[in-house]
Amino acid sequence: MPDADLAFTRYFAALPDPRVNRTKKHTLHDILGVTFCAVICGANSFEEIERFGEARQEWLKRFFTLENGIPSHDTFNRVLAALDHDVFAACFARWMAELGTAVGLRTIAIDGKACRSAPADTFSGCLHLVNAWATQNNLFLGSVAVADGSNEIAALPALLKVLDLNGALVSLDAAFCQTEILAQIRQQSGDYVVTVKGNQPTLHQAVVAAFERAGETGFADCVMASSTEDGHGRHEERYVTVLKNPEGLPEGWTDVRAAVMVGRERAVAGKNTSSAHFYLTSLRYGAKKLANYIRGHWGVENGLHWCLDVAFGEDNNRTRDTNAGANLGVVRRVALSLLKQDPTRGSIKAKRLNAAWDDKYLQRVLQGFKAN
């Protein structure tokens, strides 16, 4: 019997086991526990999970029964393929939500990510997960897989439904600029900031026209801010203009309290470019604060998506079963979140190696850097 416990396992203690009794050679608790430990320590596939288990079986027995040894890679694959993805993701999301310690307004970036080497019948032609990422905390809050024959927009409402949006700011790119999505965020007591582009032509034209009218009066009723950034051979100037209670917008856009225009002038290698980007928000904040929230949205790209591809090799993962791939994706995201909580210096790759080599470090990561 195990002589110790890992606190995280209680979050999937009530997860329904999809197998019939005759196929339960290994407990669900053991299969998921070994999977999670292996992924933190560098395993990126079911074959690598099995190898990790065989190599670390004695240590794993401190926490898991393993009465029939380490499951085969086929067993890991079959079980994750059978698990309900939404329920599985919600189990870990509850854990991540408890780890979040942000004070004040929480920012949640919503964005989709394609897993290029895992074919599926989605709009992107592969396994596609829509993720919720707490940008201030570097924590994964949940994900939903895009269904076959569907797209990100159809998947998002189910993800929002399981999130606690009370007091949160949800940032979204233009793909999610939809009246129903913004209405749902407000119904769940959240605020939003959303990019407005040409995929909503009537709305985009109305926002541009509102700023043109404001320009005719010298932006007298607007609040503005600017910033400059130099680095890596690039000089960039940003100008943020906030127009409160914009007029002339089409009906159906819930609780729009301000429109934001972000102008960028960039000089790189002697070439100058300029651009203007537009946003809507339900917040009544100043230009500097809104500019920080808008820039912060891209933390989901750098803090989550980039790390998943570089440190976890997600884009190269070829898991054939879509549901198994989606569930393994959840494990990766939680593992990344926990490794990011580690205050010691080093890349995520280095931390995964450290977890593989140092039992004490691995156990600390698994406990979420919290006392039992």
Protein backbone atom coordinates (compact mmCIF):
# COMPACT_ATOMS: atom_id res chain seq x y z
CA MET A 1 0.00 0.00 0.00
CA PRO A 2 1.16 3.57 -0.62
CA ASP A 3 2.82 5.23 2.36
CA ALA A 4 2.24 8.81 1.19
CA ASP A 5 -0.31 10.89 -0.68
CA LEU A 6 -0.20 13.50 -3.41
CA ALA A 7 -2.72 16.26 -2.75
CA PHE A 8 -3.65 16.73 -6.41
CA THR A 9 -5.15 13.23 -6.74
CA ARG A 10 -8.21 14.22 -4.75
CA TYR A 11 -9.35 16.45 -7.61
CA PHE A 12 -10.09 13.47 -9.84
CA ALA A 13 -11.14 11.09 -7.05
CA ALA A 14 -14.77 11.29 -8.19
CA LEU A 15 -13.95 11.09 -11.92
CA PRO A 16 -16.12 8.32 -13.45
CA ASP A 17 -14.14 5.32 -14.66
CA PRO A 18 -15.26 4.63 -18.26
CA ARG A 19 -14.11 0.99 -18.24
CA VAL A 20 -16.10 -2.15 -17.51
CA ASN A 21 -14.96 -4.21 -14.53
CA ARG A 22 -13.24 -6.94 -16.54
CA THR A 23 -10.84 -4.40 -18.06
CA LYS A 24 -9.79 -2.80 -14.76
CA LYS A 25 -6.39 -4.41 -14.27
CA HIS A 26 -5.06 -1.02 -13.15
CA THR A 27 -6.92 1.55 -11.09
CA LEU A 28 -7.92 4.82 -12.71
CA HIS A 29 -6.15 6.61 -9.85
CA ASP A 30 -2.87 4.87 -10.74
CA ILE A 31 -3.18 5.46 -14.49
CA LEU A 32 -3.84 9.17 -14.14
CA GLY A 33 -1.28 9.64 -11.39
CA VAL A 34 1.53 8.00 -13.33
CA THR A 35 0.55 9.94 -16.45
CA PHE A 36 0.73 13.24 -14.66
CA CYS A 37 4.06 12.51 -12.97
CA ALA A 38 5.55 11.31 -16.27
CA VAL A 39 4.48 14.40 -18.23
CA ILE A 40 5.98 16.73 -15.63
CA CYS A 41 9.24 14.76 -15.89
CA GLY A 42 9.54 15.01 -19.66
CA ALA A 43 7.28 12.33 -21.18
CA ASN A 44 5.49 13.58 -24.30
CA SER A 45 3.83 10.39 -25.55
CA PHE A 46 2.13 7.30 -24.15
CA GLU A 47 5.21 5.19 -24.92
CA GLU A 48 7.35 7.62 -22.91
CA ILE A 49 4.83 7.56 -20.05
CA GLU A 50 5.17 3.77 -19.85
CA ARG A 51 8.98 3.98 -19.87
CA PHE A 52 8.94 6.60 -17.11
CA GLY A 53 6.68 4.36 -15.02
CA GLU A 54 8.95 1.35 -15.43
CA ALA A 55 12.04 3.37 -14.53
CA ARG A 56 10.47 5.05 -11.49
CA GLN A 57 8.20 2.26 -10.28
CA GLU A 58 9.66 2.04 -6.77
CA TRP A 59 9.21 5.76 -6.16
CA LEU A 60 5.71 5.72 -7.65
CA LYS A 61 4.68 2.93 -5.25
CA ARG A 62 4.98 5.44 -2.43
CA PHE A 63 1.85 7.13 -3.80
CA PHE A 64 0.03 4.58 -5.98
CA THR A 65 -0.94 0.94 -5.47
CA LEU A 66 0.39 -0.41 -8.80
CA GLU A 67 -0.71 -3.95 -7.83
CA ASN A 68 -0.21 -5.14 -11.40
CA GLY A 69 2.82 -3.03 -12.18
CA ILE A 70 2.97 -0.21 -14.68
CA PRO A 71 0.22 -0.11 -17.35
CA SER A 72 1.25 -0.50 -20.98
CA HIS A 73 1.27 2.48 -23.31
CA ASP A 74 -1.84 1.03 -24.99
CA THR A 75 -3.64 1.07 -21.65
CA PHE A 76 -2.71 4.70 -21.00
CA ASN A 77 -3.95 5.54 -24.50
CA ARG A 78 -7.23 3.63 -24.23
CA VAL A 79 -8.15 5.06 -20.84
CA LEU A 80 -7.47 8.67 -21.82
CA ALA A 81 -9.38 8.07 -25.05
CA ALA A 82 -12.41 6.88 -23.06
CA LEU A 83 -12.44 9.63 -20.41
CA ASP A 84 -14.99 12.41 -20.85
CA HIS A 85 -12.80 15.37 -21.81
CA ASP A 86 -15.05 18.06 -20.33
CA VAL A 87 -15.28 16.30 -16.96
CA PHE A 88 -11.56 15.52 -16.93
CA ALA A 89 -10.62 19.11 -17.74
CA ALA A 90 -13.01 20.41 -15.08
CA CYS A 91 -11.33 18.25 -12.42
CA PHE A 92 -7.96 19.82 -13.05
CA ALA A 93 -9.49 23.27 -13.53
CA ARG A 94 -10.76 23.14 -9.94
CA TRP A 95 -7.24 22.42 -8.77
CA MET A 96 -5.78 25.28 -10.80
CA ALA A 97 -8.48 27.67 -9.56
CA GLU A 98 -7.49 26.90 -5.97
CA LEU A 99 -3.86 27.64 -6.75
CA GLY A 100 -4.72 31.08 -8.16
CA THR A 101 -3.89 33.82 -5.66
CA ALA A 102 -4.33 37.00 -7.73
CA VAL A 103 -5.65 40.02 -5.89
CA GLY A 104 -8.18 42.33 -7.56
CA LEU A 105 -9.35 41.94 -11.13
CA ARG A 106 -8.34 38.57 -12.60
CA THR A 107 -7.51 38.47 -16.28
CA ILE A 108 -8.40 35.38 -18.29
CA ALA A 109 -7.15 35.16 -21.87
CA ILE A 110 -9.16 32.94 -24.21
CA ASP A 111 -7.45 31.58 -27.28
CA GLY A 112 -7.42 28.48 -29.45
CA LYS A 113 -4.43 26.28 -30.28
CA ALA A 114 -4.06 23.74 -33.05
CA CYS A 115 -2.10 20.51 -32.52
CA ARG A 116 -0.78 20.26 -36.07
CA SER A 117 0.35 16.62 -36.08
CA ALA A 118 -2.94 15.23 -34.71
CA PRO A 119 -5.41 15.12 -37.64
CA ALA A 120 -9.10 15.74 -36.91
CA ASP A 121 -12.18 16.89 -38.80
CA THR A 122 -12.18 20.41 -37.34
CA PHE A 123 -12.01 23.78 -39.10
CA SER A 124 -8.20 23.71 -38.74
CA GLY A 125 -7.89 20.10 -39.92
CA CYS A 126 -6.38 18.88 -36.65
CA LEU A 127 -7.04 18.55 -32.93
CA HIS A 128 -7.92 22.07 -31.77
CA LEU A 129 -8.26 23.14 -28.13
CA VAL A 130 -9.76 26.40 -26.89
CA ASN A 131 -7.92 27.38 -23.72
CA ALA A 132 -8.52 29.66 -20.75
CA TRP A 133 -5.27 31.01 -19.31
CA ALA A 134 -4.89 33.24 -16.23
CA THR A 135 -2.25 35.62 -17.55
CA GLN A 136 -1.30 37.14 -14.20
CA ASN A 137 -0.95 33.77 -12.48
CA ASN A 138 0.38 31.66 -15.38
CA LEU A 139 -2.31 29.08 -14.64
CA PHE A 140 -4.37 26.92 -16.94
CA LEU A 141 -8.06 27.30 -16.06
CA GLY A 142 -9.71 24.96 -18.53
CA SER A 143 -10.03 23.87 -22.13
CA VAL A 144 -12.56 22.45 -24.53
CA ALA A 145 -11.86 20.50 -27.71
CA VAL A 146 -13.40 21.72 -30.94
CA ALA A 147 -15.84 19.06 -32.13
CA ASP A 148 -15.54 17.39 -35.52
CA GLY A 149 -17.06 19.55 -38.22
CA SER A 150 -17.08 22.57 -35.91
CA ASN A 151 -15.00 25.62 -34.96
CA GLU A 152 -13.72 27.64 -32.00
CA ILE A 153 -16.78 29.88 -31.75
CA ALA A 154 -19.11 26.94 -31.17
CA ALA A 155 -16.76 25.45 -28.56
CA LEU A 156 -16.25 28.52 -26.37
CA PRO A 157 -19.67 28.74 -24.60
CA ALA A 158 -19.09 25.35 -22.96
CA LEU A 159 -15.70 26.49 -21.65
CA LEU A 160 -17.05 29.79 -20.31
CA LYS A 161 -19.81 27.92 -18.52
CA VAL A 162 -17.37 26.07 -16.23
CA LEU A 163 -15.29 29.15 -15.42
CA ASP A 164 -15.88 31.42 -12.44
CA LEU A 165 -16.04 34.81 -14.15
CA ASN A 166 -17.20 36.84 -11.16
CA GLY A 167 -14.75 39.74 -10.91
CA ALA A 168 -12.73 38.55 -13.91
CA LEU A 169 -11.75 40.28 -17.13
CA VAL A 170 -11.96 38.00 -20.16
CA SER A 171 -9.78 39.05 -23.10
CA LEU A 172 -10.61 37.67 -26.54
CA ASP A 173 -9.26 37.98 -30.05
CA ALA A 174 -11.41 38.90 -33.05
CA ALA A 175 -12.52 35.32 -33.73
CA PHE A 176 -14.60 35.44 -30.53
CA CYS A 177 -16.10 38.87 -31.20
CA GLN A 178 -19.67 37.53 -31.16
CA THR A 179 -22.75 39.04 -29.50
CA GLU A 180 -23.69 35.75 -27.80
CA ILE A 181 -20.23 35.28 -26.30
CA LEU A 182 -20.04 38.79 -24.84
CA ALA A 183 -23.57 38.43 -23.47
CA GLN A 184 -22.63 35.17 -21.74
CA ILE A 185 -19.58 36.74 -20.12
CA ARG A 186 -21.71 39.54 -18.70
CA GLN A 187 -24.40 37.10 -17.56
CA GLN A 188 -21.69 35.28 -15.61
CA SER A 189 -20.66 38.59 -13.93
CA GLY A 190 -17.46 38.98 -15.91
CA ASP A 191 -16.07 41.86 -17.94
CA TYR A 192 -14.54 41.67 -21.39
CA VAL A 193 -12.12 43.32 -23.78
CA VAL A 194 -12.41 42.02 -27.34
CA THR A 195 -10.61 42.77 -30.60
CA VAL A 196 -12.76 44.18 -33.40
CA LYS A 197 -11.74 43.34 -36.97
CA GLY A 198 -13.21 42.79 -40.41
CA ASN A 199 -14.89 39.50 -39.51
CA GLN A 200 -17.58 41.78 -38.03
CA PRO A 201 -17.65 44.37 -40.85
CA THR A 202 -20.67 46.38 -39.68
CA LEU A 203 -19.32 46.64 -36.13
CA HIS A 204 -15.80 47.41 -37.33
CA GLN A 205 -17.01 50.19 -39.62
CA ALA A 206 -19.11 51.66 -36.80
CA VAL A 207 -16.16 51.71 -34.36
CA VAL A 208 -13.88 53.32 -36.95
CA ALA A 209 -16.58 55.93 -37.70
CA ALA A 210 -16.96 56.68 -33.99
CA PHE A 211 -13.24 57.48 -33.72
CA GLU A 212 -13.35 59.55 -36.91
CA ARG A 213 -16.10 61.67 -35.37
CA ALA A 214 -14.07 61.99 -32.17
CA GLY A 215 -11.08 63.09 -34.26
CA GLU A 216 -13.10 65.92 -35.75
CA THR A 217 -13.31 67.45 -32.26
CA GLY A 218 -9.68 66.76 -31.45
CA PHE A 219 -10.63 63.74 -29.33
CA ALA A 220 -11.96 66.15 -26.71
CA ASP A 221 -14.07 63.51 -24.99
CA CYS A 222 -11.38 60.80 -25.06
CA VAL A 223 -8.66 59.77 -22.64
CA MET A 224 -5.26 58.99 -24.14
CA ALA A 225 -1.90 57.49 -23.26
CA SER A 226 1.33 56.70 -25.08
CA SER A 227 4.42 54.56 -24.58
CA THR A 228 7.72 53.85 -26.30
CA GLU A 229 9.70 50.64 -26.47
CA ASP A 230 13.16 49.91 -27.84
CA GLY A 231 14.84 46.54 -28.14
CA HIS A 232 16.21 43.94 -30.54
CA GLY A 233 16.75 46.58 -33.22
CA ARG A 234 13.17 47.76 -33.03
CA HIS A 235 11.67 51.10 -32.02
CA GLU A 236 7.94 51.13 -31.35
CA GLU A 237 5.57 53.87 -30.24
CA ARG A 238 2.02 53.11 -29.08
CA TYR A 239 -0.86 55.53 -28.78
CA VAL A 240 -3.96 54.45 -26.91
CA THR A 241 -7.23 56.36 -27.22
CA VAL A 242 -10.32 55.45 -25.18
CA LEU A 243 -13.74 56.64 -26.33
CA LYS A 244 -16.33 56.15 -23.61
CA ASN A 245 -19.88 55.18 -24.50
CA PRO A 246 -19.31 55.11 -28.28
CA GLU A 247 -22.36 55.99 -30.35
CA GLY A 248 -23.59 54.45 -33.57
CA LEU A 249 -22.77 50.81 -32.81
CA PRO A 250 -25.17 48.18 -34.15
CA GLU A 251 -27.60 46.64 -31.69
CA GLY A 252 -26.91 43.48 -29.75
CA TRP A 253 -23.48 44.25 -28.30
CA THR A 254 -23.98 43.92 -24.55
CA ASP A 255 -22.72 46.55 -22.09
CA VAL A 256 -20.16 48.27 -24.33
CA ARG A 257 -18.82 51.05 -22.11
CA ALA A 258 -15.81 52.06 -24.19
CA ALA A 259 -14.09 51.60 -27.54
CA VAL A 260 -10.31 51.57 -27.65
CA MET A 261 -7.99 52.44 -30.53
CA VAL A 262 -4.34 51.36 -30.29
CA GLY A 263 -2.05 52.95 -32.86
CA ARG A 264 1.41 51.48 -33.40
CA GLU A 265 4.33 53.06 -35.23
CA ARG A 266 7.27 50.72 -35.64
CA ALA A 267 10.76 51.12 -37.07
CA VAL A 268 12.73 47.94 -37.78
CA ALA A 269 15.90 47.80 -39.87
CA GLY A 270 15.18 51.20 -41.38
CA LYS A 271 11.60 50.32 -42.38
CA ASN A 272 8.68 52.21 -40.86
CA THR A 273 5.20 50.73 -40.49
CA SER A 274 2.05 51.95 -38.79
CA SER A 275 -1.21 50.25 -37.84
CA ALA A 276 -4.40 50.82 -35.88
CA HIS A 277 -6.28 48.20 -33.89
CA PHE A 278 -9.71 48.50 -32.31
CA TYR A 279 -11.30 46.97 -29.22
CA LEU A 280 -14.55 47.04 -27.26
CA THR A 281 -14.76 46.66 -23.50
CA SER A 282 -17.33 46.60 -20.73
CA LEU A 283 -14.88 48.36 -18.39
CA ARG A 284 -14.71 52.04 -17.49
CA TYR A 285 -10.95 52.36 -17.09
CA GLY A 286 -8.28 54.79 -18.18
CA ALA A 287 -6.08 54.41 -21.24
CA LYS A 288 -2.98 53.06 -19.48
CA LYS A 289 -4.87 50.37 -17.62
CA LEU A 290 -6.76 49.21 -20.70
CA ALA A 291 -3.53 49.23 -22.72
CA ASN A 292 -1.96 46.87 -20.17
CA TYR A 293 -4.92 44.49 -20.36
CA ILE A 294 -4.86 44.51 -24.15
CA ARG A 295 -1.13 43.77 -24.28
CA GLY A 296 -1.49 41.19 -21.54
CA HIS A 297 -3.80 39.08 -23.68
CA TRP A 298 -0.84 37.84 -25.70
CA GLY A 299 0.55 36.23 -22.57
CA VAL A 300 -1.50 33.22 -23.65
CA GLU A 301 0.66 32.95 -26.78
CA ASN A 302 4.02 33.34 -25.05
CA GLY A 303 3.19 31.83 -21.68
CA LEU A 304 1.10 28.88 -22.86
CA HIS A 305 1.13 28.06 -26.58
CA TRP A 306 4.81 28.74 -27.24
CA CYS A 307 5.86 26.73 -24.18
CA LEU A 308 3.63 23.81 -25.14
CA ASP A 309 5.31 23.56 -28.54
CA VAL A 310 8.90 24.25 -27.48
CA ALA A 311 9.05 22.51 -24.08
CA PHE A 312 6.40 19.79 -24.55
CA GLY A 313 6.56 19.22 -28.30
CA GLU A 314 2.77 19.46 -28.58
CA ASP A 315 2.75 20.39 -32.26
CA ASN A 316 4.65 17.19 -33.02
CA ASN A 317 2.42 14.90 -30.95
CA ARG A 318 0.73 12.34 -33.19
CA THR A 319 -1.85 10.86 -30.81
CA ARG A 320 -4.41 9.41 -33.22
CA ASP A 321 -7.48 9.38 -31.00
CA THR A 322 -8.85 12.92 -30.72
CA ASN A 323 -10.19 12.49 -27.19
CA ALA A 324 -6.96 10.92 -25.95
CA GLY A 325 -5.01 13.78 -27.51
CA ALA A 326 -7.30 16.36 -25.90
CA ASN A 327 -6.97 14.76 -22.46
CA LEU A 328 -3.21 14.47 -22.78
CA GLY A 329 -3.29 18.15 -23.73
CA VAL A 330 -5.01 18.93 -20.43
CA VAL A 331 -2.27 17.10 -18.52
CA ARG A 332 0.40 19.11 -20.38
CA ARG A 333 -1.29 22.40 -19.57
CA VAL A 334 -1.59 21.60 -15.88
CA ALA A 335 2.03 20.39 -15.78
CA LEU A 336 3.16 23.62 -17.43
CA SER A 337 1.15 25.68 -14.94
CA LEU A 338 2.77 23.97 -11.97
CA LEU A 339 6.27 24.26 -13.39
CA LYS A 340 5.70 27.97 -13.96
CA GLN A 341 4.86 28.37 -10.27
CA ASP A 342 8.38 27.20 -9.37
CA PRO A 343 10.30 30.37 -8.40
CA THR A 344 13.73 28.96 -9.26
CA ARG A 345 15.39 30.18 -12.44
CA GLY A 346 15.49 28.12 -15.59
CA SER A 347 13.48 27.16 -18.65
CA ILE A 348 10.49 24.84 -18.58
CA LYS A 349 12.62 22.18 -20.28
CA ALA A 350 15.22 22.49 -17.52
CA LYS A 351 12.55 22.24 -14.84
CA ARG A 352 11.15 19.07 -16.42
CA LEU A 353 14.64 17.56 -16.29
CA ASN A 354 15.01 18.69 -12.69
CA ALA A 355 11.73 16.95 -11.82
CA ALA A 356 12.96 13.77 -13.51
CA TRP A 357 16.23 13.80 -11.59
CA ASP A 358 15.17 15.13 -8.17
CA ASP A 359 12.37 13.30 -6.30
CA LYS A 360 11.97 16.08 -3.75
CA TYR A 361 11.59 18.69 -6.47
CA LEU A 362 9.03 16.56 -8.32
CA GLN A 363 6.97 16.08 -5.16
CA ARG A 364 7.07 19.82 -4.48
CA VAL A 365 5.80 20.52 -8.00
CA LEU A 366 3.02 17.96 -7.60
CA GLN A 367 1.85 19.58 -4.39
CA GLY A 368 1.45 22.88 -6.21
CA PHE A 369 3.98 24.54 -3.89
CA LYS A 370 1.44 24.40 -1.09
CA ALA A 371 1.66 22.69 2.24
CA ASN A 372 -0.55 19.61 2.67
